[in-house]
N, C-alpha and C. Protein backbone atom coordinates (compact mmCIF):
# COMPACT_ATOMS: atom_id res chain seq x y z
N UNK A 1 0.84 -1.18 0.00
CA UNK A 1 0.00 0.00 0.00
C UNK A 1 0.89 1.24 0.00
N UNK A 2 0.59 2.15 -0.90
CA UNK A 2 1.36 3.39 -1.00
C UNK A 2 0.44 4.54 -0.64
N UNK A 3 0.85 5.33 0.33
CA UNK A 3 0.06 6.48 0.73
C UNK A 3 0.50 7.68 -0.09
N UNK A 4 -0.45 8.38 -0.67
CA UNK A 4 -0.13 9.58 -1.45
C UNK A 4 -0.93 10.74 -0.90
N UNK A 5 -0.39 11.91 -1.08
CA UNK A 5 -1.11 13.11 -0.63
C UNK A 5 -2.15 13.48 -1.66
N UNK A 6 -3.05 14.34 -1.24
CA UNK A 6 -4.07 14.84 -2.16
C UNK A 6 -3.46 15.66 -3.27
N UNK A 7 -4.20 15.89 -4.29
CA UNK A 7 -3.73 16.63 -5.45
C UNK A 7 -3.42 18.08 -5.06
N UNK A 8 -2.28 18.54 -5.48
CA UNK A 8 -1.86 19.91 -5.17
C UNK A 8 -2.63 20.89 -6.05
N UNK A 9 -2.92 22.01 -5.50
CA UNK A 9 -3.59 23.06 -6.27
C UNK A 9 -2.59 24.10 -6.73
N UNK A 10 -1.34 23.91 -6.40
CA UNK A 10 -0.32 24.86 -6.83
C UNK A 10 0.05 24.56 -8.27
N UNK A 11 0.55 25.59 -8.94
CA UNK A 11 0.90 25.42 -10.34
C UNK A 11 2.17 26.21 -10.64
N UNK A 12 2.97 25.67 -11.56
CA UNK A 12 4.19 26.33 -12.01
C UNK A 12 4.05 26.67 -13.49
N UNK A 13 4.63 27.78 -13.87
CA UNK A 13 4.74 28.13 -15.28
C UNK A 13 6.20 28.46 -15.53
N UNK A 14 6.65 28.19 -16.75
CA UNK A 14 8.01 28.54 -17.14
C UNK A 14 7.93 29.20 -18.51
N UNK A 15 8.57 30.34 -18.63
CA UNK A 15 8.72 31.00 -19.92
C UNK A 15 10.18 30.94 -20.29
N UNK A 16 10.46 30.67 -21.57
CA UNK A 16 11.86 30.56 -22.01
C UNK A 16 12.02 31.18 -23.38
N UNK A 17 13.21 31.72 -23.60
CA UNK A 17 13.61 32.25 -24.89
C UNK A 17 14.84 31.48 -25.35
N UNK A 18 14.82 30.93 -26.55
CA UNK A 18 16.00 30.30 -27.14
C UNK A 18 16.72 31.39 -27.90
N UNK A 19 17.94 31.70 -27.50
CA UNK A 19 18.67 32.85 -28.05
C UNK A 19 19.83 32.39 -28.91
N UNK A 20 19.95 33.01 -30.06
CA UNK A 20 21.04 32.67 -30.97
C UNK A 20 21.52 33.94 -31.66
N UNK A 21 22.82 34.12 -31.66
CA UNK A 21 23.46 35.22 -32.36
C UNK A 21 24.67 34.64 -33.06
N UNK A 22 24.87 35.02 -34.31
CA UNK A 22 26.03 34.47 -35.01
C UNK A 22 27.31 34.89 -34.29
N UNK A 23 28.21 33.93 -34.14
CA UNK A 23 29.49 34.19 -33.50
C UNK A 23 29.50 34.01 -32.00
N UNK A 24 28.34 33.74 -31.38
CA UNK A 24 28.29 33.51 -29.93
C UNK A 24 27.59 32.20 -29.65
N UNK A 25 27.77 31.73 -28.45
CA UNK A 25 27.16 30.49 -27.99
C UNK A 25 25.65 30.68 -27.82
N UNK A 26 24.86 29.73 -28.34
CA UNK A 26 23.40 29.79 -28.16
C UNK A 26 23.07 29.52 -26.71
N UNK A 27 21.99 30.09 -26.24
CA UNK A 27 21.59 29.88 -24.86
C UNK A 27 20.10 30.09 -24.69
N UNK A 28 19.62 29.75 -23.50
CA UNK A 28 18.22 30.02 -23.18
C UNK A 28 18.17 30.98 -22.00
N UNK A 29 17.16 31.79 -22.01
CA UNK A 29 16.87 32.67 -20.88
C UNK A 29 15.48 32.25 -20.42
N UNK A 30 15.36 31.91 -19.16
CA UNK A 30 14.10 31.37 -18.67
C UNK A 30 13.73 31.97 -17.32
N UNK A 31 12.44 31.92 -17.04
CA UNK A 31 11.91 32.36 -15.77
C UNK A 31 10.82 31.40 -15.32
N UNK A 32 11.06 30.66 -14.24
CA UNK A 32 9.97 29.85 -13.67
C UNK A 32 9.14 30.73 -12.73
N UNK A 33 7.89 30.40 -12.60
CA UNK A 33 7.04 31.15 -11.70
C UNK A 33 6.11 30.18 -10.98
N UNK A 34 6.08 30.29 -9.68
CA UNK A 34 5.19 29.47 -8.86
C UNK A 34 3.94 30.29 -8.58
N UNK A 35 2.81 29.72 -8.90
CA UNK A 35 1.54 30.41 -8.69
C UNK A 35 0.91 29.92 -7.40
N UNK A 36 0.28 30.81 -6.67
CA UNK A 36 -0.41 30.37 -5.45
C UNK A 36 -1.60 29.50 -5.81
N UNK A 37 -2.28 29.06 -4.82
CA UNK A 37 -3.46 28.21 -4.99
C UNK A 37 -4.40 28.84 -6.01
N UNK A 38 -4.53 28.21 -7.19
CA UNK A 38 -5.36 28.79 -8.24
C UNK A 38 -6.86 28.60 -8.00
N UNK A 39 -7.21 27.82 -7.01
CA UNK A 39 -8.63 27.66 -6.69
C UNK A 39 -9.18 28.93 -6.03
N UNK A 40 -8.27 29.78 -5.58
CA UNK A 40 -8.70 31.01 -4.93
C UNK A 40 -9.07 32.08 -5.95
N UNK A 41 -8.98 31.76 -7.24
CA UNK A 41 -9.36 32.72 -8.27
C UNK A 41 -8.19 33.52 -8.81
N UNK A 42 -6.99 33.27 -8.32
CA UNK A 42 -5.83 34.00 -8.83
C UNK A 42 -5.39 33.43 -10.17
N UNK A 43 -4.60 34.20 -10.88
CA UNK A 43 -4.09 33.81 -12.19
C UNK A 43 -3.22 32.56 -12.08
N UNK A 44 -3.36 31.63 -13.07
CA UNK A 44 -2.61 30.39 -13.04
C UNK A 44 -1.57 30.31 -14.15
N UNK A 45 -1.22 31.41 -14.74
CA UNK A 45 -0.22 31.40 -15.80
C UNK A 45 0.49 32.75 -15.82
N UNK A 46 1.45 32.89 -16.72
CA UNK A 46 2.15 34.16 -16.83
C UNK A 46 1.20 35.24 -17.31
N UNK A 47 1.33 36.41 -16.74
CA UNK A 47 0.56 37.57 -17.18
C UNK A 47 1.41 38.33 -18.20
N UNK A 48 0.79 39.27 -18.87
CA UNK A 48 1.52 40.06 -19.87
C UNK A 48 2.71 40.76 -19.24
N UNK A 49 2.57 41.18 -17.98
CA UNK A 49 3.66 41.89 -17.30
C UNK A 49 4.85 40.96 -17.01
N UNK A 50 4.57 39.66 -16.81
CA UNK A 50 5.66 38.70 -16.61
C UNK A 50 6.48 38.54 -17.89
N UNK A 51 5.78 38.50 -19.04
CA UNK A 51 6.50 38.43 -20.31
C UNK A 51 7.28 39.72 -20.57
N UNK A 52 6.68 40.84 -20.24
CA UNK A 52 7.38 42.13 -20.39
C UNK A 52 8.67 42.11 -19.57
N UNK A 53 8.58 41.67 -18.33
CA UNK A 53 9.75 41.63 -17.46
C UNK A 53 10.82 40.66 -17.99
N UNK A 54 10.38 39.53 -18.56
CA UNK A 54 11.33 38.58 -19.14
C UNK A 54 12.06 39.22 -20.33
N UNK A 55 11.33 39.93 -21.17
CA UNK A 55 11.95 40.58 -22.33
C UNK A 55 12.94 41.67 -21.90
N UNK A 56 12.59 42.43 -20.89
CA UNK A 56 13.51 43.45 -20.38
C UNK A 56 14.77 42.81 -19.83
N UNK A 57 14.61 41.74 -19.06
CA UNK A 57 15.77 41.03 -18.49
C UNK A 57 16.63 40.44 -19.61
N UNK A 58 16.00 39.87 -20.64
CA UNK A 58 16.75 39.30 -21.76
C UNK A 58 17.54 40.39 -22.48
N UNK A 59 16.92 41.54 -22.67
CA UNK A 59 17.61 42.64 -23.34
C UNK A 59 18.83 43.08 -22.53
N UNK A 60 18.67 43.14 -21.23
CA UNK A 60 19.82 43.50 -20.37
C UNK A 60 20.91 42.44 -20.44
N UNK A 61 20.52 41.16 -20.40
CA UNK A 61 21.51 40.08 -20.44
C UNK A 61 22.24 40.02 -21.78
N UNK A 62 21.49 40.17 -22.85
CA UNK A 62 22.08 40.04 -24.18
C UNK A 62 22.81 41.31 -24.61
N UNK A 63 22.36 42.45 -24.12
CA UNK A 63 23.00 43.71 -24.46
C UNK A 63 22.90 44.06 -25.93
N UNK A 64 21.84 43.61 -26.57
CA UNK A 64 21.67 43.85 -28.00
C UNK A 64 20.19 43.87 -28.34
N UNK A 65 19.86 44.38 -29.52
CA UNK A 65 18.46 44.32 -29.94
C UNK A 65 17.99 42.87 -30.05
N UNK A 66 16.70 42.67 -29.91
CA UNK A 66 16.13 41.32 -29.93
C UNK A 66 15.13 41.21 -31.07
N UNK A 67 15.27 40.13 -31.85
CA UNK A 67 14.27 39.76 -32.83
C UNK A 67 13.57 38.55 -32.24
N UNK A 68 12.32 38.72 -31.88
CA UNK A 68 11.56 37.70 -31.15
C UNK A 68 10.58 37.02 -32.08
N UNK A 69 10.65 35.70 -32.13
CA UNK A 69 9.70 34.90 -32.90
C UNK A 69 8.80 34.20 -31.89
N UNK A 70 7.54 34.59 -31.88
CA UNK A 70 6.62 34.12 -30.84
C UNK A 70 5.50 33.29 -31.43
N UNK A 71 5.02 32.33 -30.61
CA UNK A 71 3.83 31.60 -31.02
C UNK A 71 2.62 32.51 -30.79
N UNK A 72 1.46 32.02 -31.11
CA UNK A 72 0.26 32.87 -31.05
C UNK A 72 -0.51 32.72 -29.76
N UNK A 73 0.19 32.49 -28.66
CA UNK A 73 -0.46 32.42 -27.36
C UNK A 73 -1.22 33.72 -27.11
N UNK A 74 -2.42 33.62 -26.56
CA UNK A 74 -3.26 34.81 -26.41
C UNK A 74 -2.58 35.92 -25.60
N UNK A 75 -1.83 35.56 -24.58
CA UNK A 75 -1.18 36.58 -23.76
C UNK A 75 -0.08 37.31 -24.55
N UNK A 76 0.53 36.63 -25.54
CA UNK A 76 1.54 37.28 -26.36
C UNK A 76 0.94 38.38 -27.23
N UNK A 77 -0.36 38.31 -27.44
CA UNK A 77 -1.05 39.32 -28.26
C UNK A 77 -1.88 40.29 -27.43
N UNK A 78 -1.67 40.27 -26.12
CA UNK A 78 -2.37 41.19 -25.22
C UNK A 78 -2.08 42.63 -25.63
N UNK A 79 -3.09 43.48 -25.59
CA UNK A 79 -2.94 44.87 -26.03
C UNK A 79 -1.87 45.61 -25.23
N UNK A 80 -1.80 45.34 -23.93
CA UNK A 80 -0.79 46.02 -23.10
C UNK A 80 0.62 45.58 -23.47
N UNK A 81 0.79 44.29 -23.78
CA UNK A 81 2.10 43.80 -24.19
C UNK A 81 2.45 44.34 -25.58
N UNK A 82 1.47 44.40 -26.46
CA UNK A 82 1.69 44.97 -27.79
C UNK A 82 2.11 46.43 -27.70
N UNK A 83 1.49 47.17 -26.80
CA UNK A 83 1.86 48.58 -26.60
C UNK A 83 3.30 48.68 -26.11
N UNK A 84 3.68 47.81 -25.18
CA UNK A 84 5.06 47.78 -24.69
C UNK A 84 6.03 47.48 -25.82
N UNK A 85 5.72 46.45 -26.62
CA UNK A 85 6.59 46.05 -27.74
C UNK A 85 6.75 47.21 -28.72
N UNK A 86 5.65 47.87 -29.03
CA UNK A 86 5.70 49.00 -29.97
C UNK A 86 6.54 50.16 -29.43
N UNK A 87 6.66 50.27 -28.12
CA UNK A 87 7.43 51.37 -27.53
C UNK A 87 8.93 51.07 -27.43
N UNK A 88 9.33 49.84 -27.75
CA UNK A 88 10.74 49.43 -27.62
C UNK A 88 11.40 49.38 -28.98
N UNK A 89 12.35 50.28 -29.21
CA UNK A 89 13.09 50.29 -30.48
C UNK A 89 13.99 49.07 -30.60
N UNK A 90 14.36 48.46 -29.49
CA UNK A 90 15.28 47.32 -29.48
C UNK A 90 14.59 45.98 -29.68
N UNK A 91 13.28 45.98 -29.87
CA UNK A 91 12.52 44.75 -29.94
C UNK A 91 11.70 44.68 -31.22
N UNK A 92 11.91 43.60 -31.99
CA UNK A 92 11.13 43.32 -33.20
C UNK A 92 10.46 41.97 -33.00
N UNK A 93 9.16 41.91 -33.24
CA UNK A 93 8.41 40.68 -33.00
C UNK A 93 7.75 40.19 -34.28
N UNK A 94 7.87 38.90 -34.53
CA UNK A 94 7.13 38.21 -35.58
C UNK A 94 6.39 37.06 -34.91
N UNK A 95 5.21 36.74 -35.43
CA UNK A 95 4.40 35.68 -34.83
C UNK A 95 4.38 34.45 -35.72
N UNK A 96 4.47 33.29 -35.11
CA UNK A 96 4.32 32.04 -35.82
C UNK A 96 2.85 31.83 -36.14
N UNK A 97 2.57 31.02 -37.15
CA UNK A 97 1.16 30.70 -37.42
C UNK A 97 0.56 29.91 -36.25
N UNK A 98 -0.76 29.95 -36.09
CA UNK A 98 -1.38 29.16 -35.02
C UNK A 98 -1.09 27.67 -35.18
N UNK A 99 -0.97 26.98 -34.06
CA UNK A 99 -0.77 25.53 -34.03
C UNK A 99 0.43 25.09 -34.86
N UNK A 100 1.59 25.71 -34.59
CA UNK A 100 2.82 25.36 -35.31
C UNK A 100 3.95 25.05 -34.32
N UNK A 101 3.76 24.05 -33.45
CA UNK A 101 4.81 23.76 -32.47
C UNK A 101 6.12 23.31 -33.12
N UNK A 102 6.04 22.76 -34.34
CA UNK A 102 7.25 22.33 -35.03
C UNK A 102 8.12 23.51 -35.46
N UNK A 103 7.59 24.72 -35.44
CA UNK A 103 8.36 25.92 -35.78
C UNK A 103 8.87 26.65 -34.54
N UNK A 104 8.54 26.14 -33.36
CA UNK A 104 8.91 26.80 -32.12
C UNK A 104 10.04 26.03 -31.43
N UNK A 105 11.27 26.57 -31.42
CA UNK A 105 12.39 25.84 -30.83
C UNK A 105 12.24 25.58 -29.33
N UNK A 106 11.47 26.38 -28.64
CA UNK A 106 11.28 26.19 -27.20
C UNK A 106 10.52 24.90 -26.91
N UNK A 107 9.72 24.42 -27.86
CA UNK A 107 9.01 23.15 -27.68
C UNK A 107 10.00 22.01 -27.50
N UNK A 108 11.14 22.07 -28.18
CA UNK A 108 12.19 21.07 -28.00
C UNK A 108 12.76 21.09 -26.59
N UNK A 109 12.90 22.28 -26.05
CA UNK A 109 13.39 22.43 -24.67
C UNK A 109 12.42 21.77 -23.71
N UNK A 110 11.11 22.03 -23.88
CA UNK A 110 10.12 21.43 -22.98
C UNK A 110 10.14 19.92 -23.10
N UNK A 111 10.30 19.40 -24.31
CA UNK A 111 10.33 17.96 -24.52
C UNK A 111 11.50 17.31 -23.79
N UNK A 112 12.68 17.88 -23.93
CA UNK A 112 13.86 17.33 -23.25
C UNK A 112 13.70 17.46 -21.74
N UNK A 113 13.17 18.57 -21.28
CA UNK A 113 12.98 18.78 -19.85
C UNK A 113 12.03 17.73 -19.26
N UNK A 114 10.94 17.46 -19.96
CA UNK A 114 9.99 16.44 -19.48
C UNK A 114 10.61 15.05 -19.45
N UNK A 115 11.43 14.74 -20.45
CA UNK A 115 12.02 13.40 -20.53
C UNK A 115 13.22 13.22 -19.62
N UNK A 116 13.82 14.31 -19.14
CA UNK A 116 15.02 14.17 -18.31
C UNK A 116 14.74 14.53 -16.85
N UNK A 117 14.43 15.76 -16.59
CA UNK A 117 14.29 16.24 -15.21
C UNK A 117 13.02 15.79 -14.51
N UNK A 118 11.99 15.50 -15.27
CA UNK A 118 10.71 15.16 -14.66
C UNK A 118 10.35 13.68 -14.78
N UNK A 119 11.07 12.95 -15.61
CA UNK A 119 10.70 11.56 -15.86
C UNK A 119 10.90 10.69 -14.63
N UNK A 120 9.94 9.85 -14.36
CA UNK A 120 10.00 8.86 -13.27
C UNK A 120 10.36 9.47 -11.92
N UNK A 121 9.81 10.61 -11.63
CA UNK A 121 10.10 11.28 -10.37
C UNK A 121 8.80 11.61 -9.65
N UNK A 122 8.75 11.25 -8.39
CA UNK A 122 7.64 11.65 -7.53
C UNK A 122 8.16 12.81 -6.69
N UNK A 123 7.69 13.99 -6.97
CA UNK A 123 8.18 15.17 -6.26
C UNK A 123 7.54 15.24 -4.89
N UNK A 124 8.36 15.53 -3.89
CA UNK A 124 7.89 15.54 -2.52
C UNK A 124 7.12 16.80 -2.17
N UNK A 125 7.47 17.90 -2.80
CA UNK A 125 6.78 19.17 -2.54
C UNK A 125 7.06 20.11 -3.71
N UNK A 126 6.38 21.26 -3.77
CA UNK A 126 6.60 22.19 -4.88
C UNK A 126 8.05 22.67 -4.98
N UNK A 127 8.72 22.83 -3.87
CA UNK A 127 10.12 23.25 -3.89
C UNK A 127 11.00 22.22 -4.58
N UNK A 128 10.72 20.95 -4.36
CA UNK A 128 11.46 19.87 -5.00
C UNK A 128 11.27 19.91 -6.52
N UNK A 129 10.04 20.14 -6.96
CA UNK A 129 9.76 20.25 -8.39
C UNK A 129 10.50 21.44 -8.99
N UNK A 130 10.42 22.59 -8.34
CA UNK A 130 11.06 23.79 -8.86
C UNK A 130 12.58 23.61 -8.95
N UNK A 131 13.15 22.97 -7.96
CA UNK A 131 14.60 22.71 -7.97
C UNK A 131 14.98 21.81 -9.14
N UNK A 132 14.18 20.77 -9.39
CA UNK A 132 14.44 19.86 -10.50
C UNK A 132 14.29 20.57 -11.85
N UNK A 133 13.30 21.44 -11.96
CA UNK A 133 13.11 22.20 -13.20
C UNK A 133 14.31 23.11 -13.47
N UNK A 134 14.74 23.83 -12.45
CA UNK A 134 15.90 24.73 -12.61
C UNK A 134 17.15 23.94 -12.97
N UNK A 135 17.36 22.80 -12.32
CA UNK A 135 18.53 21.97 -12.60
C UNK A 135 18.49 21.48 -14.05
N UNK A 136 17.32 21.03 -14.50
CA UNK A 136 17.18 20.55 -15.87
C UNK A 136 17.41 21.65 -16.89
N UNK A 137 16.89 22.85 -16.62
CA UNK A 137 17.10 23.96 -17.53
C UNK A 137 18.56 24.39 -17.57
N UNK A 138 19.24 24.33 -16.43
CA UNK A 138 20.68 24.66 -16.40
C UNK A 138 21.47 23.66 -17.23
N UNK A 139 21.11 22.39 -17.15
CA UNK A 139 21.81 21.37 -17.95
C UNK A 139 21.64 21.64 -19.44
N UNK A 140 20.44 22.01 -19.84
CA UNK A 140 20.21 22.37 -21.24
C UNK A 140 20.99 23.63 -21.59
N UNK A 141 21.01 24.58 -20.68
CA UNK A 141 21.71 25.86 -20.90
C UNK A 141 23.18 25.63 -21.22
N UNK A 142 23.81 24.67 -20.57
CA UNK A 142 25.24 24.43 -20.77
C UNK A 142 25.53 23.63 -22.04
N UNK A 143 24.49 23.17 -22.70
CA UNK A 143 24.67 22.40 -23.94
C UNK A 143 24.19 23.24 -25.12
N UNK A 144 25.01 24.21 -25.52
CA UNK A 144 24.60 25.14 -26.57
C UNK A 144 24.32 24.43 -27.89
N UNK A 145 24.98 23.32 -28.15
CA UNK A 145 24.73 22.56 -29.39
C UNK A 145 23.30 22.02 -29.38
N UNK A 146 22.81 21.65 -28.22
CA UNK A 146 21.43 21.17 -28.11
C UNK A 146 20.45 22.30 -28.47
N UNK A 147 20.71 23.47 -27.94
CA UNK A 147 19.85 24.63 -28.25
C UNK A 147 19.91 24.94 -29.74
N UNK A 148 21.12 24.90 -30.32
CA UNK A 148 21.26 25.13 -31.76
C UNK A 148 20.50 24.08 -32.56
N UNK A 149 20.46 22.85 -32.04
CA UNK A 149 19.68 21.79 -32.68
C UNK A 149 18.19 22.09 -32.66
N UNK A 150 17.70 22.62 -31.54
CA UNK A 150 16.28 22.99 -31.45
C UNK A 150 15.97 24.07 -32.47
N UNK A 151 16.87 25.03 -32.60
CA UNK A 151 16.68 26.12 -33.57
C UNK A 151 16.73 25.59 -35.00
N UNK A 152 17.69 24.71 -35.28
CA UNK A 152 17.84 24.16 -36.63
C UNK A 152 16.65 23.26 -37.00
N UNK A 153 16.10 22.55 -36.03
CA UNK A 153 14.98 21.63 -36.29
C UNK A 153 13.73 22.35 -36.79
N UNK A 154 13.62 23.65 -36.53
CA UNK A 154 12.46 24.40 -37.00
C UNK A 154 12.49 24.59 -38.51
N UNK A 155 13.70 24.54 -39.09
CA UNK A 155 13.83 24.79 -40.54
C UNK A 155 13.78 26.25 -40.88
N UNK A 156 13.77 27.11 -39.87
CA UNK A 156 13.73 28.55 -40.11
C UNK A 156 15.14 29.11 -40.05
N UNK A 157 15.42 30.07 -40.91
CA UNK A 157 16.71 30.76 -40.87
C UNK A 157 16.47 32.25 -40.77
N UNK A 158 17.33 32.92 -40.09
CA UNK A 158 17.22 34.36 -39.96
C UNK A 158 18.13 35.00 -40.99
N UNK A 159 17.54 35.73 -41.91
CA UNK A 159 18.32 36.45 -42.90
C UNK A 159 18.42 37.89 -42.43
N UNK A 160 18.88 38.75 -43.28
CA UNK A 160 19.14 40.12 -42.86
C UNK A 160 17.92 40.81 -42.25
N UNK A 161 16.75 40.63 -42.82
CA UNK A 161 15.63 41.39 -42.28
C UNK A 161 14.36 40.59 -42.07
N UNK A 162 14.29 39.36 -42.53
CA UNK A 162 13.05 38.62 -42.37
C UNK A 162 13.31 37.14 -42.17
N UNK A 163 12.34 36.49 -41.58
CA UNK A 163 12.41 35.06 -41.33
C UNK A 163 11.94 34.32 -42.57
N UNK A 164 12.71 33.30 -42.98
CA UNK A 164 12.34 32.53 -44.16
C UNK A 164 12.38 31.05 -43.85
N UNK A 165 11.45 30.29 -44.42
CA UNK A 165 11.47 28.83 -44.27
C UNK A 165 12.47 28.25 -45.24
N UNK A 166 13.17 27.20 -44.83
CA UNK A 166 14.13 26.52 -45.72
C UNK A 166 13.41 25.65 -46.71
């Protein structure tokens, strides 16, 4: 007999950017977020302001303009986030077509993370899960060839001014 605790109402979200610049090592910039009990009516995912903060942090870390290729998640198209994007000269955004996970390199990151850091693990508490997620993301972070593989698997190439399919 195995005793298990009741289902947790806590939730985690992770946002990540796969970053590539010619002549430098590819990397990911990520932010995990632990949400309080979502049964209380609080938000259970990243808000537009969380994405804004991630983009600002990425710009500071990279120290260069950002060309962002985003999926069509509803929060990515939030009017407040769009206003922020329009106000940033250092940020250019293009959107992927709806339901195109094969064009999103971050989907590869999630796949590897699920198969490595989360596979066959019974997490004892939310802190244990968060620690495992951070450890898994750091392992991916140190393998720049893996990140380059995720980018290459999309079949997209960045030319001088626009994204083109191979």
